[in-house]
Amino acid sequence: MTKENKNFTVRLFVCLILVAVMVGTSELTGEREVIFPEIAALSIGAVAAPKQCWITDRFRMVFLIFICSVIGILIVRSSPFAKPINIIAAFLICQMLYLCSGTSFAPMISAAVLPVLMNTSSIIYPISAVTMTLLTVLAQYLLEHVGIYKREKFVTKPKPAVYDWLCLSVRTAVAALIVFPSIRFGLNFCVAPPLLVAFTEFSNSESKARKNPIKTVLIIVCCAFVGAMLRYLLCTLAGFPLISAAVLSTAFSIIVMHLAGQYMPPAGALGILPMIIPSESLLIYPAEIAAGATAFMLASVCFRKKDNENA
């Protein structure tokens, strides 16, 4: 086994430990809010991938997840508006934070939107999200220290220009056009939070994922399908603990991305999201994810055309 493969195996094992700790804690305590699917995305983007998938540092990762998770539960607790409006509000607030953060750390969006989508108002949710993010960045630090993970120097992104704010407005409008009918017709997972994260990343003019849109959507759908089927077969039908489905789903997602040569952190989160959705939604979940991923990918292509026109 080459050194590169050994390092990948270690990083994969660390990611599985992080997911196992999160889901195992949820099962032991009986608190569903402990499961923060975006941890799968964070572990993939900050541990499993050969180099970090976002322009950010560890402090900003933890801080932004904390702020956005609190925003999410505050919206659920205090907003008098309907769910579609609350989702767009959470998305818009996070879009503004995203632009002003000096980073490209899009997973922060999921931290705010997830509690709104799932009607989560418990303080356990932000505590778990921050704790698991801390464990993820600690794992990254330790792997860097022993030479298994390459350290990336963080340079703050430039202040947003007028065009960046225009893109924010367009992203929010496009999201609203997809969110409102999806929620209205009960197709909630067409706008699953990791898809909103993916849309934000796809619409970036520097996005590598949309250079291979079909491959990207296939990875997303494949991870979502396997996550849903593992929970259905192992947990719903066979009665195995949830941790078994979660760990296997994460392992599958990372291996598929590694073999494809394309790391898509939101896809990992979509493989864990089935662990917290109603069991009756498991069989339709992959189809909703496929529809949502396709819609958001098509919408992101418009940003590329705009970018070319402004080049």
Protein backbone atom coordinates (compact mmCIF):
# COMPACT_ATOMS: atom_id res chain seq x y z
CA MET A 1 0.00 0.00 0.00
CA THR A 2 1.37 3.39 -0.98
CA LYS A 3 1.82 6.20 1.52
CA GLU A 4 -0.99 8.13 -0.16
CA ASN A 5 -3.40 5.20 0.25
CA LYS A 6 -2.34 4.71 3.87
CA ASN A 7 -2.99 8.38 4.61
CA PHE A 8 -6.39 8.19 2.92
CA THR A 9 -7.30 5.11 4.97
CA VAL A 10 -6.40 6.90 8.20
CA ARG A 11 -8.42 9.97 7.21
CA LEU A 12 -11.38 7.76 6.26
CA PHE A 13 -11.20 5.98 9.62
CA VAL A 14 -11.15 9.32 11.47
CA CYS A 15 -14.27 10.49 9.58
CA LEU A 16 -16.09 7.29 10.51
CA ILE A 17 -15.17 7.78 14.16
CA LEU A 18 -16.59 11.32 14.11
CA VAL A 19 -19.89 10.14 12.60
CA ALA A 20 -20.04 7.16 14.97
CA VAL A 21 -19.55 9.42 18.01
CA MET A 22 -22.31 11.75 16.86
CA VAL A 23 -24.89 9.11 15.99
CA GLY A 24 -23.93 6.88 18.91
CA THR A 25 -24.44 9.78 21.32
CA SER A 26 -27.83 10.43 19.77
CA GLU A 27 -28.89 6.83 20.26
CA LEU A 28 -27.60 6.64 23.83
CA THR A 29 -29.32 9.88 24.88
CA GLY A 30 -32.44 9.46 22.76
CA GLU A 31 -31.96 12.99 21.39
CA ARG A 32 -32.41 13.18 17.62
CA GLU A 33 -31.17 16.79 17.64
CA VAL A 34 -27.64 15.54 18.40
CA ILE A 35 -27.34 14.36 14.79
CA PHE A 36 -26.02 17.20 12.63
CA PRO A 37 -25.74 15.78 9.08
CA GLU A 38 -23.38 18.52 7.99
CA ILE A 39 -20.70 16.93 10.17
CA ALA A 40 -20.35 14.32 7.44
CA ALA A 41 -19.75 17.18 5.01
CA LEU A 42 -17.27 18.87 7.34
CA SER A 43 -15.35 15.66 7.95
CA ILE A 44 -15.18 14.98 4.21
CA GLY A 45 -14.14 18.52 3.32
CA ALA A 46 -11.73 19.05 6.23
CA VAL A 47 -10.38 15.53 6.87
CA ALA A 48 -11.06 12.99 4.11
CA ALA A 49 -10.23 15.19 1.11
CA PRO A 50 -6.50 15.55 0.27
CA LYS A 51 -6.80 19.26 1.04
CA GLN A 52 -9.49 21.39 2.64
CA CYS A 53 -12.42 22.06 0.34
CA TRP A 54 -13.08 25.60 1.58
CA ILE A 55 -11.14 28.81 2.05
CA THR A 56 -11.45 29.21 5.81
CA ASP A 57 -9.64 28.60 9.08
CA ARG A 58 -10.66 26.47 12.04
CA PHE A 59 -11.87 29.34 14.21
CA ARG A 60 -14.22 30.62 11.51
CA MET A 61 -15.58 27.12 10.90
CA VAL A 62 -16.60 26.74 14.53
CA PHE A 63 -17.80 30.32 14.93
CA LEU A 64 -19.92 30.33 11.77
CA ILE A 65 -21.53 26.98 12.60
CA PHE A 66 -22.35 28.33 16.06
CA ILE A 67 -23.89 31.58 14.80
CA CYS A 68 -25.92 29.92 12.05
CA SER A 69 -27.20 27.06 14.23
CA VAL A 70 -28.44 29.58 16.79
CA ILE A 71 -30.06 31.66 14.03
CA GLY A 72 -31.88 28.55 12.86
CA ILE A 73 -33.45 27.67 16.20
CA LEU A 74 -34.29 31.33 16.89
CA ILE A 75 -36.23 31.47 13.62
CA VAL A 76 -38.13 28.31 14.57
CA ARG A 77 -38.90 29.63 18.04
CA SER A 78 -39.87 33.19 17.20
CA SER A 79 -40.92 33.59 13.57
CA PRO A 80 -44.68 33.83 12.94
CA PHE A 81 -44.26 33.11 9.23
CA ALA A 82 -44.78 29.90 7.27
CA LYS A 83 -41.96 27.41 6.76
CA PRO A 84 -41.07 28.44 3.17
CA ILE A 85 -40.59 32.07 4.23
CA ASN A 86 -38.53 30.98 7.24
CA ILE A 87 -36.30 28.79 5.06
CA ILE A 88 -35.65 31.66 2.66
CA ALA A 89 -35.01 34.01 5.58
CA ALA A 90 -32.44 31.60 7.03
CA PHE A 91 -30.88 31.15 3.60
CA LEU A 92 -30.69 34.91 2.98
CA ILE A 93 -29.17 35.68 6.40
CA CYS A 94 -26.54 32.99 5.90
CA GLN A 95 -25.82 34.21 2.38
CA MET A 96 -24.99 37.63 3.80
CA LEU A 97 -22.82 36.12 6.53
CA TYR A 98 -21.17 33.96 3.89
CA LEU A 99 -20.19 36.99 1.80
CA CYS A 100 -18.98 38.99 4.78
CA SER A 101 -17.08 36.14 6.46
CA GLY A 102 -14.07 36.33 4.16
CA THR A 103 -14.43 32.59 3.56
CA SER A 104 -16.00 30.14 1.12
CA PHE A 105 -17.40 28.06 4.00
CA ALA A 106 -20.86 27.33 2.57
CA PRO A 107 -21.79 24.50 5.05
CA MET A 108 -22.73 27.24 7.53
CA ILE A 109 -25.95 27.61 5.50
CA SER A 110 -27.10 24.12 6.40
CA ALA A 111 -26.61 24.86 10.09
CA ALA A 112 -29.38 27.48 9.95
CA VAL A 113 -31.73 25.91 7.40
CA LEU A 114 -31.81 22.38 8.87
CA PRO A 115 -33.63 23.27 12.12
CA VAL A 116 -36.15 25.32 10.13
CA LEU A 117 -36.85 22.44 7.74
CA MET A 118 -37.06 19.87 10.56
CA ASN A 119 -38.86 22.15 13.07
CA THR A 120 -36.02 21.83 15.59
CA SER A 121 -36.01 24.34 18.44
CA SER A 122 -33.97 22.50 21.08
CA ILE A 123 -30.79 24.08 22.44
CA ILE A 124 -29.25 20.62 22.09
CA TYR A 125 -28.95 21.20 18.35
CA PRO A 126 -26.45 24.12 18.39
CA ILE A 127 -24.55 22.51 21.28
CA SER A 128 -24.13 19.32 19.26
CA ALA A 129 -23.30 21.19 16.03
CA VAL A 130 -20.55 23.22 17.72
CA THR A 131 -19.19 20.26 19.69
CA MET A 132 -18.96 18.05 16.62
CA THR A 133 -17.38 20.87 14.59
CA LEU A 134 -14.80 21.32 17.36
CA LEU A 135 -14.02 17.61 17.23
CA THR A 136 -13.68 17.81 13.45
CA VAL A 137 -11.22 20.70 13.50
CA LEU A 138 -9.32 19.01 16.33
CA ALA A 139 -9.02 15.88 14.19
CA GLN A 140 -7.79 18.00 11.29
CA TYR A 141 -5.19 19.65 13.53
CA LEU A 142 -3.90 16.31 14.82
CA LEU A 143 -3.69 14.87 11.30
CA GLU A 144 -1.73 17.93 10.19
CA HIS A 145 0.57 17.53 13.18
CA VAL A 146 1.50 13.96 12.24
CA GLY A 147 1.85 14.77 8.54
CA ILE A 148 -1.20 12.89 7.27
CA TYR A 149 -3.09 16.01 6.23
CA LYS A 150 -1.66 18.94 4.30
CA ARG A 151 -1.98 22.27 6.05
CA GLU A 152 -3.51 25.06 3.98
CA LYS A 153 -2.60 28.68 4.63
CA PHE A 154 -5.75 30.75 5.10
CA VAL A 155 -5.96 34.04 3.25
CA THR A 156 -9.13 36.04 3.75
CA LYS A 157 -11.19 36.46 0.60
CA PRO A 158 -11.57 40.01 -0.76
CA LYS A 159 -14.48 42.12 0.39
CA PRO A 160 -17.61 41.42 -1.65
CA ALA A 161 -18.10 43.57 -4.72
CA VAL A 162 -21.37 44.75 -6.25
CA TYR A 163 -21.44 41.68 -8.49
CA ASP A 164 -21.19 39.40 -5.44
CA TRP A 165 -24.23 41.05 -3.88
CA LEU A 166 -26.07 40.71 -7.19
CA CYS A 167 -25.27 36.99 -7.22
CA LEU A 168 -26.56 36.75 -3.65
CA SER A 169 -29.84 38.31 -4.72
CA VAL A 170 -30.17 35.95 -7.68
CA ARG A 171 -29.33 32.90 -5.56
CA THR A 172 -31.96 33.88 -3.03
CA ALA A 173 -34.57 34.45 -5.73
CA VAL A 174 -33.80 31.12 -7.39
CA ALA A 175 -33.93 29.34 -4.04
CA ALA A 176 -37.32 30.92 -3.34
CA LEU A 177 -38.65 29.75 -6.72
CA ILE A 178 -37.72 26.17 -5.77
CA VAL A 179 -38.49 26.29 -2.04
CA PHE A 180 -42.07 27.57 -2.19
CA PRO A 181 -43.56 24.94 -4.55
CA SER A 182 -41.47 22.16 -2.99
CA ILE A 183 -42.77 22.84 0.52
CA ARG A 184 -46.28 23.56 -0.78
CA PHE A 185 -46.51 20.10 -2.36
CA GLY A 186 -44.80 18.29 0.50
CA LEU A 187 -41.54 17.66 -1.37
CA ASN A 188 -39.43 19.02 1.48
CA PHE A 189 -36.24 17.23 0.58
CA CYS A 190 -36.05 18.82 -2.85
CA VAL A 191 -34.68 21.74 -0.83
CA ALA A 192 -32.70 19.74 1.73
CA PRO A 193 -30.15 22.05 3.41
CA PRO A 194 -27.09 20.34 1.84
CA LEU A 195 -28.61 21.07 -1.58
CA LEU A 196 -28.76 24.76 -0.70
CA VAL A 197 -25.11 24.50 0.34
CA ALA A 198 -24.30 22.78 -2.95
CA PHE A 199 -26.17 25.45 -4.91
CA THR A 200 -24.16 28.18 -3.21
CA GLU A 201 -20.93 26.38 -4.07
CA PHE A 202 -22.03 25.57 -7.65
CA SER A 203 -22.92 29.19 -8.36
CA ASN A 204 -19.41 30.31 -7.47
CA SER A 205 -17.51 31.17 -10.65
CA GLU A 206 -14.54 29.15 -9.38
CA SER A 207 -16.55 26.00 -8.68
CA LYS A 208 -14.94 22.83 -9.99
CA ALA A 209 -18.03 20.70 -9.35
CA ARG A 210 -20.14 22.26 -12.09
CA LYS A 211 -17.47 21.61 -14.70
CA ASN A 212 -18.77 18.03 -14.54
CA PRO A 213 -22.46 18.64 -13.72
CA ILE A 214 -23.73 15.16 -14.56
CA LYS A 215 -20.99 13.49 -12.54
CA THR A 216 -21.64 15.84 -9.62
CA VAL A 217 -25.39 15.20 -9.57
CA LEU A 218 -24.80 11.45 -9.83
CA ILE A 219 -22.50 11.51 -6.81
CA ILE A 220 -25.08 13.49 -4.83
CA VAL A 221 -27.97 11.19 -5.77
CA CYS A 222 -25.92 8.04 -5.23
CA CYS A 223 -24.92 9.08 -1.70
CA ALA A 224 -28.50 10.08 -0.83
CA PHE A 225 -29.88 6.80 -2.22
CA VAL A 226 -27.41 4.63 -0.32
CA GLY A 227 -27.97 6.53 2.92
CA ALA A 228 -31.74 6.13 2.67
CA MET A 229 -31.57 2.46 1.68
CA LEU A 230 -29.10 1.60 4.43
CA ARG A 231 -31.37 3.08 7.07
CA TYR A 232 -34.44 1.41 5.56
CA LEU A 233 -32.87 -2.04 5.20
CA LEU A 234 -30.63 -2.13 8.26
CA CYS A 235 -32.65 -0.11 10.77
CA THR A 236 -36.30 -0.09 9.72
CA LEU A 237 -36.47 -3.68 8.47
CA ALA A 238 -33.62 -5.52 10.23
CA GLY A 239 -33.63 -3.57 13.49
CA PHE A 240 -29.92 -2.74 13.57
CA PRO A 241 -28.84 0.41 15.45
CA LEU A 242 -28.78 3.68 13.52
CA ILE A 243 -25.03 3.97 13.94
CA SER A 244 -24.52 1.03 11.57
CA ALA A 245 -26.33 2.74 8.69
CA ALA A 246 -24.68 6.11 9.36
CA VAL A 247 -21.13 4.74 9.43
CA LEU A 248 -21.63 2.59 6.33
CA SER A 249 -23.24 5.50 4.48
CA THR A 250 -20.32 7.79 5.30
CA ALA A 251 -17.79 5.15 4.28
CA PHE A 252 -19.59 4.63 0.98
CA SER A 253 -19.78 8.38 0.28
CA ILE A 254 -16.08 8.96 0.93
CA ILE A 255 -14.94 5.94 -1.09
CA VAL A 256 -17.16 6.91 -4.04
CA MET A 257 -15.80 10.46 -4.02
CA HIS A 258 -12.24 9.19 -3.70
CA LEU A 259 -12.64 6.82 -6.65
CA ALA A 260 -14.38 9.53 -8.69
CA GLY A 261 -11.61 12.00 -7.90
CA GLN A 262 -14.18 14.58 -6.83
CA TYR A 263 -14.92 15.43 -3.22
CA MET A 264 -18.44 16.79 -2.76
CA PRO A 265 -19.00 17.45 0.99
CA PRO A 266 -22.77 18.18 0.65
CA ALA A 267 -23.22 14.68 -0.81
CA GLY A 268 -21.87 13.22 2.42
CA ALA A 269 -24.39 15.22 4.43
CA LEU A 270 -27.19 13.93 2.17
CA GLY A 271 -26.09 10.42 3.07
CA ILE A 272 -26.57 11.17 6.78
CA LEU A 273 -29.77 13.22 6.54
CA PRO A 274 -31.88 10.02 6.11
CA MET A 275 -30.92 9.10 9.68
CA ILE A 276 -33.17 11.84 11.06
CA ILE A 277 -36.06 12.03 8.60
CA PRO A 278 -39.40 10.22 9.14
CA SER A 279 -39.12 6.56 8.15
CA GLU A 280 -42.09 6.90 5.79
CA SER A 281 -40.05 9.39 3.72
CA LEU A 282 -37.06 7.09 3.14
CA LEU A 283 -38.22 5.53 -0.13
CA ILE A 284 -39.14 8.84 -1.79
CA TYR A 285 -36.12 10.71 -0.38
CA PRO A 286 -33.65 9.80 -3.19
CA ALA A 287 -36.10 10.92 -5.87
CA GLU A 288 -36.64 14.28 -4.15
CA ILE A 289 -32.88 14.76 -3.80
CA ALA A 290 -32.41 13.92 -7.49
CA ALA A 291 -35.04 16.47 -8.51
CA GLY A 292 -33.63 19.16 -6.23
CA ALA A 293 -30.01 18.54 -7.21
CA THR A 294 -30.89 18.70 -10.90
CA ALA A 295 -32.86 21.93 -10.47
CA PHE A 296 -30.11 23.65 -8.49
CA MET A 297 -27.39 22.48 -10.87
CA LEU A 298 -29.31 23.81 -13.87
CA ALA A 299 -29.81 27.11 -12.07
CA SER A 300 -26.10 27.35 -11.25
CA VAL A 301 -25.19 27.07 -14.94
CA CYS A 302 -26.79 30.49 -15.42
CA PHE A 303 -24.18 31.97 -13.11
CA ARG A 304 -21.42 30.57 -15.28
CA LYS A 305 -22.87 32.25 -18.36
CA LYS A 306 -23.12 35.49 -16.42
CA ASP A 307 -19.51 35.13 -15.30
CA ASN A 308 -18.33 34.59 -18.86
CA GLU A 309 -20.19 37.64 -20.02
CA ASN A 310 -18.54 39.73 -17.30
CA ALA A 311 -15.05 38.27 -17.83
